[in-house]
Protein backbone atom coordinates (compact mmCIF):
# COMPACT_ATOMS: atom_id res chain seq x y z
CA MET A 1 -3.18 27.10 -25.09
CA ARG A 2 -3.06 26.79 -21.29
CA VAL A 3 -3.05 22.99 -21.55
CA PHE A 4 -0.07 23.28 -23.90
CA LEU A 5 1.77 25.65 -21.56
CA SER A 6 1.00 23.46 -18.55
CA CYS A 7 2.43 20.40 -20.30
CA LEU A 8 5.45 22.31 -21.57
CA VAL A 9 6.56 23.73 -18.22
CA CYS A 10 6.04 20.33 -16.56
CA ARG A 11 8.33 18.67 -19.09
CA ILE A 12 11.00 21.35 -18.72
CA VAL A 13 11.03 21.08 -14.92
CA THR A 14 11.13 17.28 -15.13
CA PHE A 15 14.07 17.38 -17.54
CA VAL A 16 16.03 19.73 -15.30
CA LEU A 17 15.36 17.73 -12.12
CA HIS A 18 16.35 14.44 -13.78
CA LYS A 19 19.57 16.07 -14.95
CA LEU A 20 20.20 16.96 -11.33
CA GLY A 21 19.59 13.33 -10.34
CA ARG A 22 16.29 13.99 -8.61
CA GLY A 23 13.04 12.04 -8.95
CA ALA A 24 10.84 14.85 -10.32
CA THR A 25 7.69 13.32 -8.89
CA SER A 26 5.80 16.32 -7.47
CA MET A 27 7.44 19.63 -8.38
CA PRO A 28 6.69 19.43 -12.14
CA GLY A 29 3.01 18.84 -11.38
CA LYS A 30 2.96 21.70 -8.91
CA VAL A 31 4.26 24.06 -11.59
CA ALA A 32 1.83 22.70 -14.19
CA LEU A 33 -1.13 23.27 -11.86
CA LYS A 34 -0.10 26.91 -11.44
CA VAL A 35 -0.64 27.32 -15.17
CA LYS A 36 -3.97 25.42 -15.36
CA ARG A 37 -5.56 24.18 -12.16
CA ASN A 38 -8.02 21.80 -13.83
CA VAL A 39 -5.63 20.39 -16.42
CA LEU A 40 -6.45 16.83 -15.25
CA LYS A 41 -9.89 17.15 -16.89
CA ASP A 42 -8.23 17.50 -20.28
CA LEU A 43 -5.49 14.94 -19.67
CA SER A 44 -7.70 12.09 -18.43
CA LYS A 45 -10.80 12.37 -20.59
CA ASN A 46 -9.79 9.84 -23.31
CA THR A 47 -8.11 7.28 -21.02
CA LYS A 48 -9.50 4.41 -18.97
CA VAL A 49 -8.49 5.38 -15.43
CA ILE A 50 -8.39 3.25 -12.30
CA VAL A 51 -7.75 5.02 -9.00
CA VAL A 52 -6.43 3.04 -6.03
CA THR A 53 -6.89 4.55 -2.57
CA GLY A 54 -7.13 3.41 1.06
CA THR A 55 -4.75 3.10 4.00
CA ASN A 56 -2.74 -0.06 3.34
CA GLY A 57 -1.75 -1.80 0.12
CA LYS A 58 -2.11 1.03 -2.43
CA THR A 59 1.32 0.76 -4.05
CA THR A 60 1.37 -3.03 -4.07
CA SER A 61 -2.14 -3.13 -5.55
CA CYS A 62 -1.10 -0.71 -8.29
CA ARG A 63 1.82 -2.93 -9.24
CA ILE A 64 -0.43 -5.99 -9.47
CA LEU A 65 -2.84 -4.02 -11.66
CA GLU A 66 0.11 -3.00 -13.79
CA GLU A 67 1.10 -6.64 -14.16
CA GLY A 68 -2.46 -7.48 -15.21
CA LEU A 69 -2.54 -4.84 -17.93
CA LYS A 70 0.91 -5.90 -19.08
CA LYS A 71 -0.16 -9.55 -19.36
CA ALA A 72 -3.21 -8.44 -21.34
CA GLY A 73 -1.01 -6.46 -23.76
CA LYS A 74 -2.60 -3.12 -22.90
CA SER A 75 -1.04 0.29 -23.27
CA TYR A 76 -0.86 1.94 -19.83
CA PHE A 77 1.06 4.13 -17.42
CA ILE A 78 1.28 4.19 -13.62
CA ASN A 79 2.47 6.81 -11.14
CA LYS A 80 5.17 4.38 -10.01
CA SER A 81 7.01 6.71 -7.72
CA GLY A 82 4.18 6.74 -5.22
CA ALA A 83 3.78 10.53 -5.68
CA ASN A 84 0.09 10.23 -4.90
CA LEU A 85 -1.05 13.82 -4.31
CA ILE A 86 -2.62 15.89 -7.09
CA THR A 87 0.80 17.24 -8.05
CA GLY A 88 2.24 13.78 -8.65
CA VAL A 89 -0.90 12.54 -10.42
CA THR A 90 -0.84 15.56 -12.73
CA ALA A 91 2.85 15.14 -13.51
CA SER A 92 2.32 11.45 -14.35
CA PHE A 93 -0.46 12.28 -16.81
CA ILE A 94 1.53 15.05 -18.47
CA MET A 95 4.64 12.91 -18.92
CA ASN A 96 2.50 10.28 -20.65
CA SER A 97 0.69 12.75 -22.92
CA THR A 98 1.57 14.77 -25.98
CA VAL A 99 2.50 18.38 -25.42
CA THR A 100 -1.06 19.28 -26.46
CA GLY A 101 -2.49 17.16 -23.62
CA LYS A 102 -3.65 14.00 -25.43
CA CYS A 103 -2.77 10.91 -23.37
CA LYS A 104 -0.63 8.43 -25.32
CA LYS A 105 -1.79 5.43 -23.26
CA ASP A 106 -5.13 3.64 -23.19
CA TYR A 107 -5.10 2.97 -19.43
CA ALA A 108 -3.88 4.88 -16.37
CA ILE A 109 -3.28 3.30 -12.95
CA ILE A 110 -3.31 6.05 -10.34
CA GLU A 111 -2.35 5.61 -6.70
CA CYS A 112 -4.03 8.37 -4.73
CA ASP A 113 -3.65 9.51 -1.14
CA GLU A 114 -6.93 9.27 0.75
CA ASN A 115 -7.10 12.97 1.57
CA ALA A 116 -5.75 14.10 -1.80
CA PHE A 117 -8.46 12.07 -3.53
CA LYS A 118 -10.99 14.75 -2.56
CA GLU A 119 -9.29 17.24 -4.86
CA VAL A 120 -8.23 14.78 -7.56
CA SER A 121 -11.80 13.45 -7.85
CA ARG A 122 -13.09 16.91 -8.78
CA TYR A 123 -11.04 16.90 -11.97
CA ILE A 124 -10.20 13.38 -13.08
CA HIS A 125 -12.27 11.12 -15.35
CA CYS A 126 -12.37 7.71 -13.69
CA ASP A 127 -13.69 4.27 -14.67
CA VAL A 128 -12.79 2.11 -11.65
CA ILE A 129 -11.98 2.93 -8.00
CA LEU A 130 -10.30 0.31 -5.80
CA VAL A 131 -10.60 1.09 -2.07
CA THR A 132 -8.21 -1.24 -0.24
CA ASN A 133 -9.18 -0.66 3.42
CA VAL A 134 -9.31 2.01 6.11
CA PHE A 135 -7.04 1.90 9.17
CA ARG A 136 -5.82 4.44 11.69
CA ASP A 137 -2.84 6.13 10.08
CA GLN A 138 -0.82 9.23 11.05
CA LEU A 139 -3.27 10.79 13.51
CA ASP A 140 -1.69 14.22 13.18
CA ARG A 141 -2.37 14.23 9.44
CA TYR A 142 -5.41 12.03 8.81
CA GLY A 143 -7.21 12.22 12.15
CA GLU A 144 -9.35 9.31 13.24
CA VAL A 145 -10.49 6.60 10.83
CA THR A 146 -13.92 8.17 10.31
CA HIS A 147 -12.22 11.27 8.89
CA THR A 148 -10.36 9.14 6.35
CA LEU A 149 -13.51 7.20 5.51
CA ASN A 150 -15.50 10.39 4.95
CA ALA A 151 -12.76 11.78 2.71
CA ILE A 152 -12.90 8.68 0.49
CA LYS A 153 -16.71 8.65 0.50
CA GLU A 154 -16.86 12.31 -0.55
CA SER A 155 -14.38 11.62 -3.33
CA VAL A 156 -16.31 8.61 -4.66
CA LYS A 157 -19.51 10.67 -4.77
CA ASN A 158 -17.70 13.05 -7.14
CA LEU A 159 -17.31 10.12 -9.57
CA PRO A 160 -20.77 8.50 -9.74
CA ASN A 161 -20.07 6.66 -13.00
CA ALA A 162 -17.02 4.78 -11.72
CA ILE A 163 -17.27 1.13 -10.66
CA VAL A 164 -16.16 0.90 -7.01
CA CYS A 165 -14.34 -2.16 -5.63
CA LEU A 166 -14.79 -2.39 -1.84
CA ASP A 167 -13.16 -4.62 0.77
CA ALA A 168 -16.00 -6.69 2.23
CA ASP A 169 -13.79 -7.59 5.22
CA CYS A 170 -13.46 -3.95 6.30
CA SER A 171 -16.53 -2.77 8.19
CA LEU A 172 -15.53 0.84 7.55
CA THR A 173 -14.88 0.51 3.82
CA TYR A 174 -17.96 -1.59 3.10
CA SER A 175 -20.22 0.88 4.92
CA MET A 176 -19.85 3.19 1.92
CA SER A 177 -22.01 0.80 -0.08
CA LYS A 178 -25.03 2.14 1.80
CA GLU A 179 -24.45 5.72 0.66
CA ILE A 180 -22.74 5.89 -2.73
CA PRO A 181 -24.64 5.69 -6.05
CA ASN A 182 -21.95 3.71 -7.89
CA LYS A 183 -21.98 0.13 -9.12
CA ILE A 184 -20.14 -1.89 -6.45
CA ILE A 185 -17.97 -5.02 -6.63
CA THR A 186 -16.85 -6.58 -3.33
CA PHE A 187 -13.79 -8.64 -2.49
CA GLY A 188 -12.52 -10.35 0.64
CA VAL A 189 -11.10 -13.35 2.43
CA ASN A 190 -13.66 -15.85 3.72
CA VAL A 191 -11.31 -17.63 6.13
CA PRO A 192 -8.46 -16.66 8.49
CA PHE A 193 -5.03 -17.23 7.00
CA ASP A 194 -3.75 -18.60 10.30
CA LYS A 195 -6.38 -20.56 12.24
CA ASN A 196 -4.07 -20.79 15.27
CA ALA A 197 -3.38 -17.07 15.56
CA LYS A 198 -4.79 -15.28 18.57
CA ALA A 199 -7.62 -12.84 17.95
CA PRO A 200 -6.21 -9.32 17.58
CA GLU A 201 -7.22 -6.40 19.75
CA ILE A 202 -9.71 -4.51 17.56
CA SER A 203 -9.06 -0.79 17.98
CA ASP A 204 -9.75 0.91 14.63
CA ALA A 205 -13.35 -0.29 14.19
CA LYS A 206 -14.54 -2.00 17.34
CA TYR A 207 -18.07 -0.58 17.24
CA CYS A 208 -20.70 -0.59 14.53
CA ILE A 209 -20.41 2.49 12.34
CA PHE A 210 -24.21 2.77 12.17
CA CYS A 211 -25.53 2.01 15.68
CA LYS A 212 -22.31 1.99 17.79
CA HIS A 213 -22.98 -1.50 19.14
CA GLU A 214 -19.86 -3.66 19.54
CA TYR A 215 -19.18 -6.01 16.63
CA ASP A 216 -18.93 -9.76 16.99
CA TYR A 217 -16.48 -11.58 14.71
CA THR A 218 -16.70 -15.07 13.23
CA TYR A 219 -12.98 -14.77 12.34
CA ASN A 220 -10.25 -12.18 11.80
CA THR A 221 -7.59 -11.88 9.11
CA TYR A 222 -5.79 -8.93 10.70
CA GLY A 223 -6.73 -5.79 12.57
CA HIS A 224 -10.46 -5.17 12.21
CA LEU A 225 -10.67 -7.08 8.92
CA GLY A 226 -12.73 -10.24 8.94
CA GLY A 227 -16.21 -11.63 9.51
CA PHE A 228 -17.78 -8.69 11.36
CA VAL A 229 -21.43 -8.69 12.40
CA CYS A 230 -23.50 -6.26 14.43
CA ASN A 231 -26.14 -8.20 16.37
CA ASN A 232 -27.98 -4.98 17.15
CA CYS A 233 -28.75 -3.42 13.74
CA GLY A 234 -27.83 -6.33 11.47
CA TYR A 235 -24.96 -4.67 9.59
CA LYS A 236 -22.50 -7.43 8.64
CA ARG A 237 -19.88 -8.57 6.20
CA PRO A 238 -21.44 -9.56 2.86
CA GLN A 239 -20.49 -12.58 0.79
CA PRO A 240 -17.98 -10.97 -1.58
CA ASP A 241 -18.01 -11.28 -5.37
CA PHE A 242 -14.28 -12.07 -5.38
CA ALA A 243 -13.08 -14.12 -2.42
CA VAL A 244 -10.38 -16.35 -1.02
CA GLU A 245 -12.42 -19.38 0.06
CA SER A 246 -9.72 -21.60 1.57
CA VAL A 247 -5.97 -21.57 2.21
CA GLU A 248 -4.24 -24.65 0.86
CA GLU A 249 -0.62 -23.79 1.63
CA MET A 250 1.27 -21.03 3.47
CA LYS A 251 4.71 -19.83 2.37
CA ASN A 252 6.92 -16.94 3.51
CA ASP A 253 6.16 -14.82 0.45
CA HIS A 254 2.79 -16.12 -0.75
CA SER A 255 -0.13 -18.45 -0.10
CA VAL A 256 -1.79 -21.04 -2.32
CA VAL A 257 -5.55 -20.53 -2.09
CA VAL A 258 -8.87 -21.47 -3.62
CA ALA A 259 -10.20 -18.19 -5.01
CA ASN A 260 -13.72 -17.51 -6.20
CA LEU A 261 -13.39 -14.96 -9.00
CA ASN A 262 -16.92 -13.76 -9.58
CA GLY A 263 -18.30 -17.31 -9.48
CA ASP A 264 -15.37 -19.10 -11.13
CA ARG A 265 -13.20 -21.09 -8.67
CA ASN A 266 -9.43 -21.38 -9.22
CA ILE A 267 -6.44 -22.64 -7.24
CA ILE A 268 -3.91 -19.80 -7.41
CA LYS A 269 -0.82 -18.46 -5.68
CA VAL A 270 -1.59 -15.06 -4.15
CA ASN A 271 -0.14 -12.35 -1.96
CA ILE A 272 -2.31 -9.16 -1.68
CA ALA A 273 -4.28 -9.73 -4.83
CA ILE A 274 -7.98 -10.49 -4.51
CA GLY A 275 -9.05 -6.82 -4.69
CA CYS A 276 -6.89 -6.39 -7.78
CA ALA A 277 -8.70 -9.32 -9.41
CA ALA A 278 -11.98 -7.46 -8.84
CA ALA A 279 -10.60 -4.20 -10.25
CA LEU A 280 -9.03 -5.82 -13.33
CA THR A 281 -12.31 -7.60 -14.05
CA ALA A 282 -14.09 -4.24 -13.83
CA LEU A 283 -11.63 -2.94 -16.43
CA GLY A 284 -12.53 -5.83 -18.75
CA ILE A 285 -9.30 -7.83 -18.43
CA GLU A 286 -9.61 -11.57 -19.14
CA GLN A 287 -9.41 -13.92 -16.17
CA LYS A 288 -6.40 -15.89 -17.47
CA ASN A 289 -4.38 -12.64 -17.59
CA ILE A 290 -5.56 -11.71 -14.09
CA ILE A 291 -4.46 -15.05 -12.62
CA ASP A 292 -1.14 -14.86 -14.47
CA ALA A 293 -0.54 -11.37 -13.08
CA ILE A 294 -1.37 -12.38 -9.51
CA GLU A 295 0.93 -15.40 -9.59
CA ASN A 296 3.88 -13.58 -11.14
CA PHE A 297 3.83 -10.34 -9.20
CA ASN A 298 7.21 -9.68 -7.51
CA GLY A 299 6.62 -6.70 -5.24
CA ALA A 300 6.63 -2.90 -5.32
CA PHE A 301 9.58 -0.78 -4.28
CA GLY A 302 10.05 -0.91 -0.54
CA ARG A 303 7.22 -3.43 -0.13
CA MET A 304 8.86 -6.81 0.43
CA GLU A 305 11.58 -5.80 -2.00
CA HIS A 306 14.59 -8.11 -2.20
CA PHE A 307 18.25 -7.22 -2.78
CA LYS A 308 20.94 -9.88 -3.16
CA ALA A 309 23.98 -9.64 -0.88
CA GLY A 310 26.20 -12.57 -1.81
CA ASN A 311 24.38 -15.74 -0.83
CA ASN A 312 21.93 -13.85 1.36
CA THR A 313 19.04 -11.45 0.85
CA VAL A 314 18.37 -7.99 2.21
CA ASN A 315 14.59 -7.51 2.41
CA LEU A 316 12.89 -4.13 2.66
CA ILE A 317 9.36 -3.99 4.14
CA LEU A 318 7.72 -0.56 4.47
CA VAL A 319 5.45 0.09 7.49
CA LYS A 320 3.28 3.14 8.05
CA ASN A 321 0.84 2.39 10.88
CA PRO A 322 0.21 -0.05 13.75
CA ALA A 323 -1.82 -2.52 11.67
CA GLY A 324 0.77 -2.82 8.90
CA PHE A 325 3.65 -3.00 11.38
CA SER A 326 1.89 -5.69 13.40
CA GLN A 327 1.19 -7.69 10.25
CA THR A 328 4.87 -7.46 9.29
CA MET A 329 5.86 -8.80 12.71
CA ASN A 330 3.40 -11.68 12.23
CA PHE A 331 5.03 -12.44 8.90
CA LEU A 332 8.51 -12.43 10.43
CA LYS A 333 7.34 -14.83 13.14
CA SER A 334 6.55 -17.34 10.37
CA ILE A 335 10.19 -17.44 9.21
CA ASP A 336 12.25 -20.38 10.45
CA ASP A 337 15.70 -19.45 9.09
CA ASP A 338 18.08 -17.21 11.03
CA PHE A 339 17.83 -13.50 10.23
CA THR A 340 18.85 -10.05 11.44
CA LEU A 341 16.12 -7.47 12.11
CA ILE A 342 16.62 -3.73 11.52
CA LEU A 343 13.86 -1.29 12.54
CA SER A 344 14.00 2.30 11.25
CA LEU A 345 11.74 5.08 12.56
CA ASN A 346 11.42 8.63 11.23
CA ASP A 347 9.01 11.41 12.21
CA ASN A 348 9.04 13.61 9.13
CA ALA A 349 5.77 15.08 7.84
CA ALA A 350 5.12 12.16 5.48
CA ASP A 351 5.60 9.69 8.36
CA GLY A 352 3.51 11.60 10.88
CA ARG A 353 5.12 13.74 13.58
CA ASP A 354 3.38 11.81 16.35
CA ILE A 355 5.23 8.52 16.89
CA SER A 356 3.12 7.30 19.80
CA TRP A 357 1.59 4.79 17.38
CA ILE A 358 4.61 2.48 17.75
CA TRP A 359 3.27 1.52 21.19
CA ASP A 360 0.20 0.03 19.47
CA VAL A 361 2.34 -2.31 17.35
CA ASP A 362 2.01 -5.97 18.34
CA PHE A 363 5.56 -7.27 18.81
CA SER A 364 4.42 -10.20 20.93
CA GLY A 365 6.38 -13.37 20.25
CA ILE A 366 8.84 -11.98 17.71
CA PHE A 367 11.69 -11.70 20.22
CA ASP A 368 10.92 -15.12 21.68
CA LYS A 369 12.19 -16.62 18.44
CA PRO A 370 15.83 -17.71 18.75
CA ASN A 371 16.36 -17.26 14.99
CA VAL A 372 16.15 -13.46 15.35
CA LYS A 373 19.90 -13.31 15.86
CA GLU A 374 20.61 -9.58 15.96
CA LEU A 375 18.52 -6.45 16.43
CA TYR A 376 19.35 -2.97 15.12
CA VAL A 377 17.45 0.32 15.23
CA THR A 378 18.06 3.39 13.10
CA GLY A 379 16.32 6.49 11.73
CA LYS A 380 15.72 9.94 13.20
CA ARG A 381 13.84 8.48 16.17
CA CYS A 382 16.03 5.41 16.64
CA TYR A 383 16.21 5.87 20.41
CA ASP A 384 12.41 5.95 20.69
CA MET A 385 12.25 2.68 18.79
CA ALA A 386 14.96 1.25 21.04
CA VAL A 387 12.89 2.11 24.12
CA ARG A 388 9.78 0.56 22.54
CA VAL A 389 11.40 -2.80 21.81
CA LYS A 390 13.25 -2.80 25.13
CA TYR A 391 9.91 -2.54 26.94
CA GLU A 392 8.61 -5.41 24.83
CA GLY A 393 11.40 -7.63 26.10
CA ILE A 394 14.18 -8.71 23.75
CA GLY A 395 15.71 -11.58 25.70
CA ASN A 396 19.49 -11.52 25.93
CA ARG A 397 19.95 -9.52 22.74
CA GLU A 398 21.72 -6.19 22.58
CA ILE A 399 19.92 -3.33 20.83
CA LYS A 400 22.47 -2.00 18.36
CA ILE A 401 21.94 1.58 17.20
CA ILE A 402 22.90 3.08 13.83
CA GLU A 403 22.80 6.82 14.50
CA ASN A 404 22.43 9.87 12.26
CA GLU A 405 20.55 8.01 9.51
CA ASP A 406 23.86 6.57 8.36
CA TYR A 407 22.47 4.26 5.69
CA ASN A 408 25.88 3.44 4.23
CA LYS A 409 26.70 1.97 7.62
CA LEU A 410 23.34 0.19 7.53
CA VAL A 411 24.31 -1.46 4.22
CA ASP A 412 27.70 -2.39 5.68
CA VAL A 413 25.91 -4.06 8.59
CA ALA A 414 23.38 -5.78 6.34
CA THR A 415 25.98 -7.23 3.99
CA SER A 416 28.26 -8.49 6.77
CA GLN A 417 25.69 -10.62 8.59
CA GLY A 418 26.15 -13.90 6.77
CA ARG A 419 22.37 -14.37 6.97
CA ASP A 420 19.22 -12.80 5.57
CA VAL A 421 18.35 -9.32 6.81
CA TYR A 422 14.87 -7.78 7.17
CA ILE A 423 14.79 -3.98 7.26
CA VAL A 424 11.47 -2.49 8.46
CA PRO A 425 11.44 1.30 7.86
CA THR A 426 8.81 4.02 7.94
CA TYR A 427 8.15 5.94 4.71
CA THR A 428 10.75 8.72 4.61
CA SER A 429 13.35 6.41 6.08
CA MET A 430 12.68 3.92 3.28
CA MET A 431 12.82 6.65 0.64
CA THR A 432 16.19 7.83 1.96
CA MET A 433 17.82 4.45 2.54
CA ARG A 434 16.57 2.71 -0.58
CA PRO A 435 18.75 4.68 -3.06
CA VAL A 436 21.78 3.80 -0.91
CA ILE A 437 20.83 0.12 -0.86
CA ALA A 438 20.05 0.10 -4.59
CA LYS A 439 23.35 1.77 -5.45
CA ARG A 440 25.36 -0.66 -3.32
CA LEU A 441 23.42 -3.86 -4.07
CA GLY A 442 21.79 -3.12 -7.42
CA GLY A 443 18.29 -1.88 -8.15
CA LYS A 444 16.29 0.64 -10.15
CA ASP A 445 15.66 4.23 -9.11
CA PHE A 446 12.36 4.46 -7.22
CA TRP A 447 10.60 6.40 -9.98
CA GLU A 448 11.41 3.83 -12.64
């Protein structure tokens, strides 16, 4: 009876919020959990569930997994909105179940916040866990990287029967393999994507997690990811089961690589996909469907999302921490065509109140490029971002400021440039501006 009541009130709240034009991503689940706290046990027990967690790449990975299940003709649902706390996870299950709590789909793809996973893992039935990586992220909320790592490790231990896919390039993530009882599949990139790139300053995982000796690296992909080795205790990157073995061609939005998929080599077009190949294999999806999904994936909302503005494109790239922001700047440095850059910084709870992390972002070289024609800053902390880029050195450019989170003005600016525009916002800024952009330029609501 309580499962029925939990599902019923969730549906009623969702209906009302949608009628009011709101996303209904967390509140319905919050109400449902008041009725039955462990309702996830009933909702998830007859469904194959994959949970995706980690610092960077969760939403994009979920969308690639979705594409894989779609190509394989499977029945599934995904918490698309990115509502990745227990409230959002619960609401997603309820809205894809009968009113008596029986899930109507065979598979569930669940994006889960690293800290929220501790609670979710106590209730959910799970078949596969994909851990993308661990980076420093929102110090005022997550603490240091070891806190995040321990949260994920504790959560995985609650699900001993799940297959766990670990990033072999991440010394933090892979260290879990020494302590968890689960079957493990590893994935990684065996070569640097850019052989000419300078070695990054390793700050998130400079020292061995076991003996505290400084790591040596044979190569880096970005941040602390790469060929780590501790010459003191012997802890090192393993040879992954699923790996990018060589990079054949680099494009703005993808790379053509030779990928080893559990022993079978293929030339494929990829973006952030090798971990998803491991997870889809763990779910029993055929390789041809996996490759098809990887090559045809178009991007999650706010993550390299494209909107047409006449003959030009407005591109939205979410950033949440120094590593992701730095990687985005590296991507923009690879672009040869003229473009306008808009940086948007908020400090709401979901972004992290402490914005000192922007000083750890590597902007080096981006403003040396003459094709960065104009520079705008916006968001609640637009002036802080203006100071940050001014200290970097912006050449003879003027920093133009869009105040008061005026995103209609932002769209006016973006559509009047006569060139492509790249908007780089933090999370709550993206969630606020995206509906304005989608309404003006065309696009689905974020929960669709």
